[in-house]
C-alpha cells in the first residue's frame, strides 16, 4: 500500500510561482511512476506532469516550460514547481503513484488533493 499527501497549494496572482509537494509513504517498492494531475470544477482530471523510475519526465502541453516535476528519493517526496502561473491553472492538484502488481499490471494511488487558485 502507498499513501500520498499533497501540500503547498494556495492563492497566488497570475505570473506568480508555487511549489507543490507530495510525501510518499508505505510500500514504495515497485512504484513505476509518479505524477501530478489537476481537476477544475466540472472538468475531468488531467495529467499535468509525470516522472518515471528512470527519471523520464512528461508534461502537458499547457504547462511545458512553466512547470517542473522532480523528486527527492531520500525524502520520498515528489515536487511540482509551478512558475508563470495563469488563471487557467486553477484547480485541485492531485498526486498519483503507479505501483506494479504483476509483470503487466499496476495499481493507482491518489492523494487527497491540494487547491491551487490563480487570480487575474
N, C-alpha and C. Protein backbone atom coordinates (compact mmCIF):
# COMPACT_ATOMS: atom_id res chain seq x y z
N UNK A 1 0.83 -1.19 0.00
CA UNK A 1 0.00 0.00 0.00
C UNK A 1 0.87 1.25 0.00
N UNK A 2 0.36 2.28 -0.65
CA UNK A 2 1.06 3.55 -0.77
C UNK A 2 0.15 4.67 -0.30
N UNK A 3 0.70 5.56 0.50
CA UNK A 3 -0.03 6.73 0.95
C UNK A 3 0.62 7.99 0.39
N UNK A 4 -0.20 8.91 -0.09
CA UNK A 4 0.27 10.14 -0.69
C UNK A 4 -0.39 11.33 -0.01
N UNK A 5 0.40 12.32 0.35
CA UNK A 5 -0.12 13.52 0.99
C UNK A 5 0.43 14.74 0.28
N UNK A 6 -0.47 15.54 -0.32
CA UNK A 6 -0.06 16.75 -1.02
C UNK A 6 -0.06 17.95 -0.08
N UNK A 7 0.77 18.92 -0.40
CA UNK A 7 0.81 20.17 0.33
C UNK A 7 1.39 21.25 -0.58
N UNK A 8 1.22 22.50 -0.18
CA UNK A 8 1.82 23.60 -0.90
C UNK A 8 0.87 24.42 -1.75
N UNK A 9 -0.39 24.03 -1.80
CA UNK A 9 -1.36 24.78 -2.57
C UNK A 9 -1.67 26.11 -1.91
N UNK A 10 -2.34 26.99 -2.65
CA UNK A 10 -2.69 28.28 -2.11
C UNK A 10 -3.20 29.22 -3.17
N UNK A 11 -3.30 30.49 -2.80
CA UNK A 11 -3.78 31.55 -3.69
C UNK A 11 -2.61 32.41 -4.13
N UNK A 12 -2.44 32.57 -5.44
CA UNK A 12 -1.37 33.40 -5.98
C UNK A 12 -1.92 34.23 -7.13
N UNK A 13 -1.22 35.31 -7.45
CA UNK A 13 -1.57 36.13 -8.59
C UNK A 13 -0.98 35.56 -9.87
N UNK A 14 -1.61 35.87 -10.98
CA UNK A 14 -1.09 35.45 -12.27
C UNK A 14 0.36 35.91 -12.42
N UNK A 15 1.20 35.01 -12.92
CA UNK A 15 2.61 35.30 -13.06
C UNK A 15 3.44 34.86 -11.88
N UNK A 16 2.78 34.49 -10.80
CA UNK A 16 3.47 34.06 -9.61
C UNK A 16 3.90 32.60 -9.68
N UNK A 17 4.50 32.14 -8.59
CA UNK A 17 5.02 30.78 -8.52
C UNK A 17 4.51 30.07 -7.28
N UNK A 18 4.49 28.76 -7.36
CA UNK A 18 4.06 27.92 -6.25
C UNK A 18 4.74 26.57 -6.38
N UNK A 19 5.09 25.96 -5.26
CA UNK A 19 5.70 24.64 -5.28
C UNK A 19 4.84 23.66 -4.49
N UNK A 20 4.40 22.62 -5.15
CA UNK A 20 3.62 21.57 -4.51
C UNK A 20 4.53 20.42 -4.11
N UNK A 21 4.20 19.79 -2.99
CA UNK A 21 4.95 18.65 -2.51
C UNK A 21 4.02 17.46 -2.33
N UNK A 22 4.54 16.28 -2.59
CA UNK A 22 3.81 15.04 -2.39
C UNK A 22 4.68 14.10 -1.58
N UNK A 23 4.30 13.87 -0.34
CA UNK A 23 5.03 12.96 0.53
C UNK A 23 4.52 11.54 0.32
N UNK A 24 5.43 10.63 0.04
CA UNK A 24 5.08 9.25 -0.25
C UNK A 24 5.51 8.36 0.91
N UNK A 25 4.61 7.50 1.35
CA UNK A 25 4.92 6.58 2.43
C UNK A 25 4.28 5.23 2.16
N UNK A 26 4.61 4.26 2.99
CA UNK A 26 4.10 2.92 2.81
C UNK A 26 5.06 2.07 2.02
N UNK A 27 4.51 1.15 1.27
CA UNK A 27 5.31 0.24 0.45
C UNK A 27 5.60 0.89 -0.89
N UNK A 28 6.74 1.58 -0.97
CA UNK A 28 7.06 2.33 -2.18
C UNK A 28 7.81 1.48 -3.19
N UNK A 29 8.18 0.27 -2.81
CA UNK A 29 8.86 -0.63 -3.74
C UNK A 29 7.97 -0.90 -4.94
N UNK A 30 8.57 -0.92 -6.10
CA UNK A 30 7.90 -1.22 -7.37
C UNK A 30 7.00 -0.09 -7.89
N UNK A 31 7.17 1.11 -7.36
CA UNK A 31 6.47 2.25 -7.95
C UNK A 31 7.09 2.53 -9.31
N UNK A 32 6.26 2.54 -10.32
CA UNK A 32 6.73 2.73 -11.69
C UNK A 32 6.88 4.20 -12.05
N UNK A 33 5.93 5.00 -11.60
CA UNK A 33 5.94 6.41 -11.96
C UNK A 33 5.15 7.21 -10.94
N UNK A 34 5.47 8.49 -10.85
CA UNK A 34 4.74 9.44 -10.03
C UNK A 34 4.24 10.55 -10.95
N UNK A 35 3.11 11.11 -10.61
CA UNK A 35 2.58 12.17 -11.44
C UNK A 35 1.72 13.16 -10.68
N UNK A 36 1.54 14.31 -11.30
CA UNK A 36 0.63 15.32 -10.80
C UNK A 36 -0.52 15.48 -11.80
N UNK A 37 -1.73 15.44 -11.29
CA UNK A 37 -2.92 15.66 -12.08
C UNK A 37 -3.66 16.86 -11.51
N UNK A 38 -4.55 17.43 -12.29
CA UNK A 38 -5.37 18.51 -11.79
C UNK A 38 -6.79 18.39 -12.31
N UNK A 39 -7.72 18.91 -11.53
CA UNK A 39 -9.13 18.85 -11.88
C UNK A 39 -9.83 20.12 -11.44
N UNK A 40 -10.40 20.82 -12.39
CA UNK A 40 -11.20 22.00 -12.11
C UNK A 40 -12.66 21.59 -11.97
N UNK A 41 -13.48 22.39 -11.28
CA UNK A 41 -14.90 22.04 -11.11
C UNK A 41 -15.59 21.79 -12.45
N UNK A 42 -16.28 20.67 -12.55
CA UNK A 42 -16.99 20.33 -13.76
C UNK A 42 -16.12 19.82 -14.89
N UNK A 43 -14.83 19.65 -14.63
CA UNK A 43 -13.91 19.20 -15.65
C UNK A 43 -13.32 17.84 -15.27
N UNK A 44 -12.76 17.15 -16.25
CA UNK A 44 -12.12 15.88 -15.99
C UNK A 44 -10.74 16.08 -15.40
N UNK A 45 -10.24 15.03 -14.77
CA UNK A 45 -8.91 15.08 -14.19
C UNK A 45 -7.87 14.79 -15.27
N UNK A 46 -6.93 15.70 -15.43
CA UNK A 46 -5.94 15.60 -16.50
C UNK A 46 -4.53 15.53 -15.94
N UNK A 47 -3.67 14.83 -16.65
CA UNK A 47 -2.26 14.74 -16.29
C UNK A 47 -1.58 16.09 -16.51
N UNK A 48 -0.83 16.52 -15.52
CA UNK A 48 -0.04 17.73 -15.62
C UNK A 48 1.41 17.39 -15.91
N UNK A 49 1.97 16.48 -15.13
CA UNK A 49 3.37 16.09 -15.29
C UNK A 49 3.58 14.73 -14.65
N UNK A 50 4.56 13.99 -15.14
CA UNK A 50 4.88 12.69 -14.57
C UNK A 50 6.38 12.46 -14.64
N UNK A 51 6.85 11.56 -13.78
CA UNK A 51 8.25 11.18 -13.77
C UNK A 51 8.34 9.69 -13.48
N UNK A 52 9.15 8.98 -14.24
CA UNK A 52 9.26 7.53 -14.11
C UNK A 52 10.44 7.15 -13.23
N UNK A 53 10.58 5.84 -13.01
CA UNK A 53 11.70 5.31 -12.25
C UNK A 53 13.03 5.70 -12.87
N UNK A 54 13.04 5.82 -14.18
CA UNK A 54 14.26 6.18 -14.90
C UNK A 54 14.39 7.69 -15.11
N UNK A 55 13.59 8.46 -14.39
CA UNK A 55 13.63 9.92 -14.41
C UNK A 55 13.18 10.53 -15.72
N UNK A 56 12.49 9.76 -16.54
CA UNK A 56 11.88 10.32 -17.74
C UNK A 56 10.68 11.17 -17.33
N UNK A 57 10.61 12.38 -17.83
CA UNK A 57 9.52 13.28 -17.49
C UNK A 57 8.60 13.52 -18.67
N UNK A 58 7.36 13.84 -18.35
CA UNK A 58 6.37 14.14 -19.36
C UNK A 58 5.49 15.27 -18.84
N UNK A 59 5.13 16.20 -19.73
CA UNK A 59 4.35 17.36 -19.34
C UNK A 59 3.19 17.58 -20.30
N UNK A 60 2.09 18.06 -19.76
CA UNK A 60 1.00 18.50 -20.61
C UNK A 60 1.47 19.71 -21.41
N UNK A 61 0.99 19.83 -22.63
CA UNK A 61 1.40 20.95 -23.49
C UNK A 61 1.14 22.30 -22.83
N UNK A 62 0.07 22.39 -22.07
CA UNK A 62 -0.32 23.65 -21.46
C UNK A 62 0.63 24.14 -20.38
N UNK A 63 1.49 23.26 -19.87
CA UNK A 63 2.38 23.65 -18.78
C UNK A 63 3.85 23.54 -19.14
N UNK A 64 4.16 23.07 -20.34
CA UNK A 64 5.55 22.93 -20.75
C UNK A 64 6.27 24.27 -20.70
N UNK A 65 7.46 24.26 -20.12
CA UNK A 65 8.24 25.48 -19.99
C UNK A 65 7.91 26.27 -18.75
N UNK A 66 6.82 25.93 -18.07
CA UNK A 66 6.41 26.66 -16.87
C UNK A 66 6.48 25.80 -15.61
N UNK A 67 6.15 24.51 -15.75
CA UNK A 67 6.13 23.60 -14.61
C UNK A 67 7.30 22.63 -14.70
N UNK A 68 7.79 22.21 -13.54
CA UNK A 68 8.86 21.23 -13.47
C UNK A 68 8.55 20.21 -12.39
N UNK A 69 8.57 18.94 -12.76
CA UNK A 69 8.38 17.87 -11.78
C UNK A 69 9.75 17.32 -11.39
N UNK A 70 9.93 17.04 -10.12
CA UNK A 70 11.18 16.50 -9.63
C UNK A 70 10.91 15.61 -8.42
N UNK A 71 11.92 14.90 -7.99
CA UNK A 71 11.77 14.04 -6.82
C UNK A 71 13.03 14.04 -5.99
N UNK A 72 12.85 13.80 -4.70
CA UNK A 72 13.94 13.64 -3.76
C UNK A 72 13.77 12.25 -3.16
N UNK A 73 14.52 11.30 -3.66
CA UNK A 73 14.37 9.91 -3.22
C UNK A 73 14.68 9.73 -1.74
N UNK A 74 15.63 10.49 -1.22
CA UNK A 74 15.99 10.38 0.18
C UNK A 74 14.84 10.79 1.09
N UNK A 75 14.01 11.72 0.63
CA UNK A 75 12.88 12.19 1.41
C UNK A 75 11.56 11.58 0.97
N UNK A 76 11.61 10.72 -0.04
CA UNK A 76 10.39 10.12 -0.60
C UNK A 76 9.35 11.19 -0.91
N UNK A 77 9.79 12.21 -1.61
CA UNK A 77 8.93 13.34 -1.92
C UNK A 77 9.04 13.71 -3.39
N UNK A 78 7.90 14.00 -4.00
CA UNK A 78 7.84 14.47 -5.37
C UNK A 78 7.35 15.91 -5.35
N UNK A 79 7.94 16.75 -6.18
CA UNK A 79 7.61 18.16 -6.21
C UNK A 79 7.07 18.57 -7.57
N UNK A 80 6.28 19.62 -7.56
CA UNK A 80 5.85 20.27 -8.79
C UNK A 80 6.09 21.76 -8.63
N UNK A 81 7.13 22.26 -9.29
CA UNK A 81 7.42 23.68 -9.28
C UNK A 81 6.61 24.33 -10.39
N UNK A 82 5.77 25.28 -10.02
CA UNK A 82 4.89 25.95 -10.96
C UNK A 82 5.26 27.42 -11.05
N UNK A 83 5.71 27.83 -12.22
CA UNK A 83 6.08 29.22 -12.47
C UNK A 83 5.16 29.83 -13.52
N UNK A 84 5.17 31.14 -13.58
CA UNK A 84 4.36 31.87 -14.56
C UNK A 84 2.92 31.37 -14.55
N UNK A 85 2.35 31.28 -13.37
CA UNK A 85 1.01 30.73 -13.23
C UNK A 85 -0.04 31.59 -13.92
N UNK A 86 -1.03 30.91 -14.47
CA UNK A 86 -2.13 31.55 -15.18
C UNK A 86 -3.44 31.20 -14.49
N UNK A 87 -4.47 32.04 -14.65
CA UNK A 87 -5.77 31.72 -14.05
C UNK A 87 -6.29 30.35 -14.46
N UNK A 88 -6.01 29.92 -15.67
CA UNK A 88 -6.47 28.62 -16.13
C UNK A 88 -5.77 27.45 -15.45
N UNK A 89 -4.73 27.73 -14.66
CA UNK A 89 -4.09 26.70 -13.87
C UNK A 89 -4.86 26.39 -12.59
N UNK A 90 -5.87 27.19 -12.29
CA UNK A 90 -6.67 27.00 -11.09
C UNK A 90 -7.35 25.63 -11.12
N UNK A 91 -7.11 24.85 -10.07
CA UNK A 91 -7.67 23.51 -9.99
C UNK A 91 -7.24 22.87 -8.67
N UNK A 92 -7.80 21.72 -8.39
CA UNK A 92 -7.29 20.88 -7.32
C UNK A 92 -6.23 19.98 -7.93
N UNK A 93 -5.06 19.98 -7.34
CA UNK A 93 -3.95 19.19 -7.84
C UNK A 93 -3.78 17.93 -7.01
N UNK A 94 -3.69 16.80 -7.70
CA UNK A 94 -3.60 15.50 -7.05
C UNK A 94 -2.28 14.82 -7.39
N UNK A 95 -1.69 14.20 -6.39
CA UNK A 95 -0.50 13.38 -6.58
C UNK A 95 -0.93 11.95 -6.89
N UNK A 96 -0.23 11.31 -7.80
CA UNK A 96 -0.55 9.96 -8.23
C UNK A 96 0.69 9.09 -8.22
N UNK A 97 0.51 7.83 -7.87
CA UNK A 97 1.58 6.84 -7.93
C UNK A 97 1.07 5.60 -8.62
N UNK A 98 1.87 5.05 -9.50
CA UNK A 98 1.56 3.78 -10.15
C UNK A 98 2.53 2.73 -9.63
N UNK A 99 1.96 1.69 -9.02
CA UNK A 99 2.76 0.65 -8.39
C UNK A 99 2.52 -0.68 -9.10
N UNK A 100 3.58 -1.35 -9.49
CA UNK A 100 3.47 -2.63 -10.18
C UNK A 100 2.87 -3.69 -9.28
N UNK A 101 1.91 -4.45 -9.78
CA UNK A 101 1.32 -5.56 -9.04
C UNK A 101 1.54 -6.88 -9.76
N UNK A 102 2.01 -6.83 -10.98
CA UNK A 102 2.34 -8.01 -11.75
C UNK A 102 3.27 -7.58 -12.86
N UNK A 103 3.63 -8.54 -13.71
CA UNK A 103 4.50 -8.19 -14.81
C UNK A 103 3.90 -7.20 -15.78
N UNK A 104 2.57 -7.14 -15.82
CA UNK A 104 1.88 -6.27 -16.76
C UNK A 104 0.98 -5.23 -16.10
N UNK A 105 0.48 -5.51 -14.91
CA UNK A 105 -0.48 -4.63 -14.29
C UNK A 105 0.09 -3.73 -13.21
N UNK A 106 -0.71 -2.77 -12.81
CA UNK A 106 -0.30 -1.84 -11.77
C UNK A 106 -1.54 -1.28 -11.07
N UNK A 107 -1.34 -0.73 -9.88
CA UNK A 107 -2.39 -0.04 -9.14
C UNK A 107 -2.10 1.45 -9.10
N UNK A 108 -3.17 2.24 -9.13
CA UNK A 108 -3.06 3.69 -9.00
C UNK A 108 -3.40 4.10 -7.57
N UNK A 109 -2.59 4.98 -7.02
CA UNK A 109 -2.83 5.54 -5.69
C UNK A 109 -2.92 7.05 -5.81
N UNK A 110 -3.82 7.64 -5.03
CA UNK A 110 -4.08 9.07 -5.12
C UNK A 110 -4.02 9.74 -3.76
N UNK A 111 -3.54 10.98 -3.75
CA UNK A 111 -3.61 11.80 -2.56
C UNK A 111 -4.96 12.49 -2.48
N UNK A 112 -5.17 13.27 -1.43
CA UNK A 112 -6.44 13.95 -1.22
C UNK A 112 -6.58 15.22 -2.05
N UNK A 113 -5.49 15.74 -2.55
CA UNK A 113 -5.51 16.92 -3.39
C UNK A 113 -5.21 18.19 -2.61
N UNK A 114 -4.71 19.18 -3.32
CA UNK A 114 -4.45 20.49 -2.74
C UNK A 114 -4.91 21.55 -3.73
N UNK A 115 -5.61 22.56 -3.22
CA UNK A 115 -6.21 23.60 -4.05
C UNK A 115 -5.18 24.63 -4.48
N UNK A 116 -5.15 24.91 -5.77
CA UNK A 116 -4.34 25.99 -6.32
C UNK A 116 -5.28 26.97 -7.01
N UNK A 117 -5.24 28.22 -6.58
CA UNK A 117 -6.08 29.26 -7.15
C UNK A 117 -5.20 30.39 -7.65
N UNK A 118 -5.35 30.74 -8.92
CA UNK A 118 -4.56 31.80 -9.53
C UNK A 118 -5.50 32.93 -9.92
N UNK A 119 -5.31 34.09 -9.33
CA UNK A 119 -6.15 35.24 -9.61
C UNK A 119 -5.59 36.03 -10.79
N UNK A 120 -6.47 36.73 -11.53
CA UNK A 120 -6.01 37.52 -12.67
C UNK A 120 -5.05 38.63 -12.28
